[in-house]
Amino acid sequence: MANLERAEFINHMIKVKGFVTRKEVADHFEVHIDTVMRDIEYMRTFLSAPLKYKKGKGGYVYETPFEMIFDSFDDAVFYYIFVKRFSDSFNITEVKEQMKMSTNNIKGLGTQPFQWV
């Protein structure tokens, strides 16, 4: 399972019940707790999610209000394809370079890296 999908789940659980535990995520996706910790770090680093562990809740919460950029993995892929085709149609080198960097920063999308032409 891609870490973006787990990030969606973490976000959803925090929105629904106010917090999420590492065990909850690990059990749901059948991954190791260390994988969940990497996902949380991914969300903090690449999605700027203000995640904080709260002992009283036994899980992670958002310190400040937070909205994910995309509602789903499919939305992220759709956005990527749209921007790539748009930049290809105008041959915008700078946009392509930014997208390459963004793609390289998004780890574990569950697909092979896109090939740039």
Protein backbone atom coordinates (compact mmCIF):
# COMPACT_ATOMS: atom_id res chain seq x y z
CA MET A 1 0.00 0.00 0.00
CA ALA A 2 1.36 3.40 -0.88
CA ASN A 3 2.21 5.81 1.90
CA LEU A 4 -0.08 8.44 0.38
CA GLU A 5 -3.00 6.07 0.88
CA ARG A 6 -1.97 5.53 4.49
CA ALA A 7 -1.64 9.30 4.88
CA GLU A 8 -5.24 9.64 3.66
CA PHE A 9 -6.32 7.09 6.27
CA ILE A 10 -4.42 8.88 9.05
CA ASN A 11 -5.99 12.18 8.02
CA HIS A 12 -9.47 10.65 7.84
CA MET A 13 -9.24 9.04 11.28
CA ILE A 14 -8.03 12.25 12.88
CA LYS A 15 -10.91 14.15 11.26
CA VAL A 16 -13.48 11.52 12.32
CA LYS A 17 -12.44 10.70 15.88
CA GLY A 18 -9.88 13.35 16.76
CA PHE A 19 -6.81 11.10 16.81
CA VAL A 20 -5.24 7.98 15.30
CA THR A 21 -2.92 5.37 16.78
CA ARG A 22 0.06 3.78 15.09
CA LYS A 23 -1.39 0.33 15.83
CA GLU A 24 -4.69 1.29 14.19
CA VAL A 25 -2.92 2.24 10.96
CA ALA A 26 -0.56 -0.75 11.07
CA ASP A 27 -3.47 -3.17 11.61
CA HIS A 28 -5.64 -1.61 8.91
CA PHE A 29 -2.91 -1.80 6.23
CA GLU A 30 -1.11 -4.86 7.60
CA VAL A 31 2.21 -3.06 7.86
CA HIS A 32 4.82 -2.78 10.61
CA ILE A 33 4.63 0.04 13.18
CA ASP A 34 7.94 1.37 11.81
CA THR A 35 6.25 1.84 8.43
CA VAL A 36 3.55 3.94 10.10
CA MET A 37 6.22 6.03 11.81
CA ARG A 38 7.83 6.69 8.40
CA ASP A 39 4.40 7.66 7.06
CA ILE A 40 3.93 10.14 9.89
CA GLU A 41 7.35 11.61 9.20
CA TYR A 42 6.46 11.75 5.47
CA MET A 43 3.29 13.67 6.29
CA ARG A 44 5.20 16.12 8.48
CA THR A 45 7.98 16.65 5.95
CA PHE A 46 6.30 16.58 2.55
CA LEU A 47 2.69 17.47 3.37
CA SER A 48 3.50 19.91 6.22
CA ALA A 49 1.02 18.09 8.45
CA PRO A 50 1.18 19.45 12.02
CA LEU A 51 1.06 15.98 13.58
CA LYS A 52 1.84 15.60 17.27
CA TYR A 53 1.67 12.61 19.58
CA LYS A 54 -0.68 13.14 22.54
CA LYS A 55 -0.16 10.78 25.46
CA GLY A 56 -3.62 11.50 26.83
CA LYS A 57 -5.21 10.23 23.63
CA GLY A 58 -2.60 7.57 22.98
CA GLY A 59 -2.29 8.68 19.39
CA TYR A 60 -1.57 11.43 16.91
CA VAL A 61 -3.55 14.64 16.49
CA TYR A 62 -3.17 17.81 14.45
CA GLU A 63 -1.71 20.65 16.53
CA THR A 64 -3.32 23.20 14.24
CA PRO A 65 -6.06 22.86 11.61
CA PHE A 66 -4.86 20.93 8.56
CA GLU A 67 -6.30 19.98 5.19
CA MET A 68 -4.67 17.53 2.83
CA ILE A 69 -3.94 18.89 -0.64
CA PHE A 70 -5.75 15.95 -2.24
CA ASP A 71 -8.76 14.05 -1.01
CA SER A 72 -7.51 10.81 -2.50
CA PHE A 73 -4.62 9.08 -4.17
CA ASP A 74 -6.59 9.17 -7.44
CA ASP A 75 -6.91 12.96 -7.16
CA ALA A 76 -3.13 13.27 -6.76
CA VAL A 77 -2.49 11.14 -9.84
CA PHE A 78 -5.12 13.06 -11.84
CA TYR A 79 -3.51 16.38 -10.86
CA TYR A 80 -0.07 15.09 -11.82
CA ILE A 81 -1.26 13.94 -15.26
CA PHE A 82 -3.13 17.20 -15.87
CA VAL A 83 -0.14 19.39 -15.02
CA LYS A 84 2.26 17.19 -17.01
CA ARG A 85 0.09 17.32 -20.13
CA PHE A 86 -0.40 21.06 -19.70
CA SER A 87 3.33 21.66 -19.39
CA ASP A 88 4.06 19.34 -22.34
CA SER A 89 1.66 21.27 -24.54
CA PHE A 90 3.60 24.48 -23.89
CA ASN A 91 7.00 22.82 -23.50
CA ILE A 92 7.52 24.61 -20.21
CA THR A 93 10.90 23.37 -19.03
CA GLU A 94 10.73 25.04 -15.61
CA VAL A 95 7.38 23.43 -14.80
CA LYS A 96 8.76 20.05 -15.87
CA GLU A 97 11.75 20.48 -13.60
CA GLN A 98 9.50 21.40 -10.66
CA MET A 99 7.35 18.35 -11.34
CA LYS A 100 10.44 16.12 -11.46
CA MET A 101 11.49 17.41 -8.07
CA SER A 102 7.97 16.96 -6.68
CA THR A 103 7.73 13.44 -8.05
CA ASN A 104 11.07 12.58 -6.51
CA ASN A 105 9.84 13.92 -3.15
CA ILE A 106 6.65 11.87 -3.17
CA LYS A 107 7.78 8.51 -1.93
CA GLY A 108 5.82 5.29 -2.25
CA LEU A 109 3.00 6.20 -4.59
CA GLY A 110 2.67 2.52 -5.41
CA THR A 111 3.61 3.05 -9.05
CA GLN A 112 6.84 3.14 -10.99
CA PRO A 113 8.39 6.59 -11.46
CA PHE A 114 7.05 8.49 -14.43
CA GLN A 115 9.27 8.63 -17.50
CA TRP A 116 9.97 12.11 -18.77
CA VAL A 117 10.16 12.62 -22.52
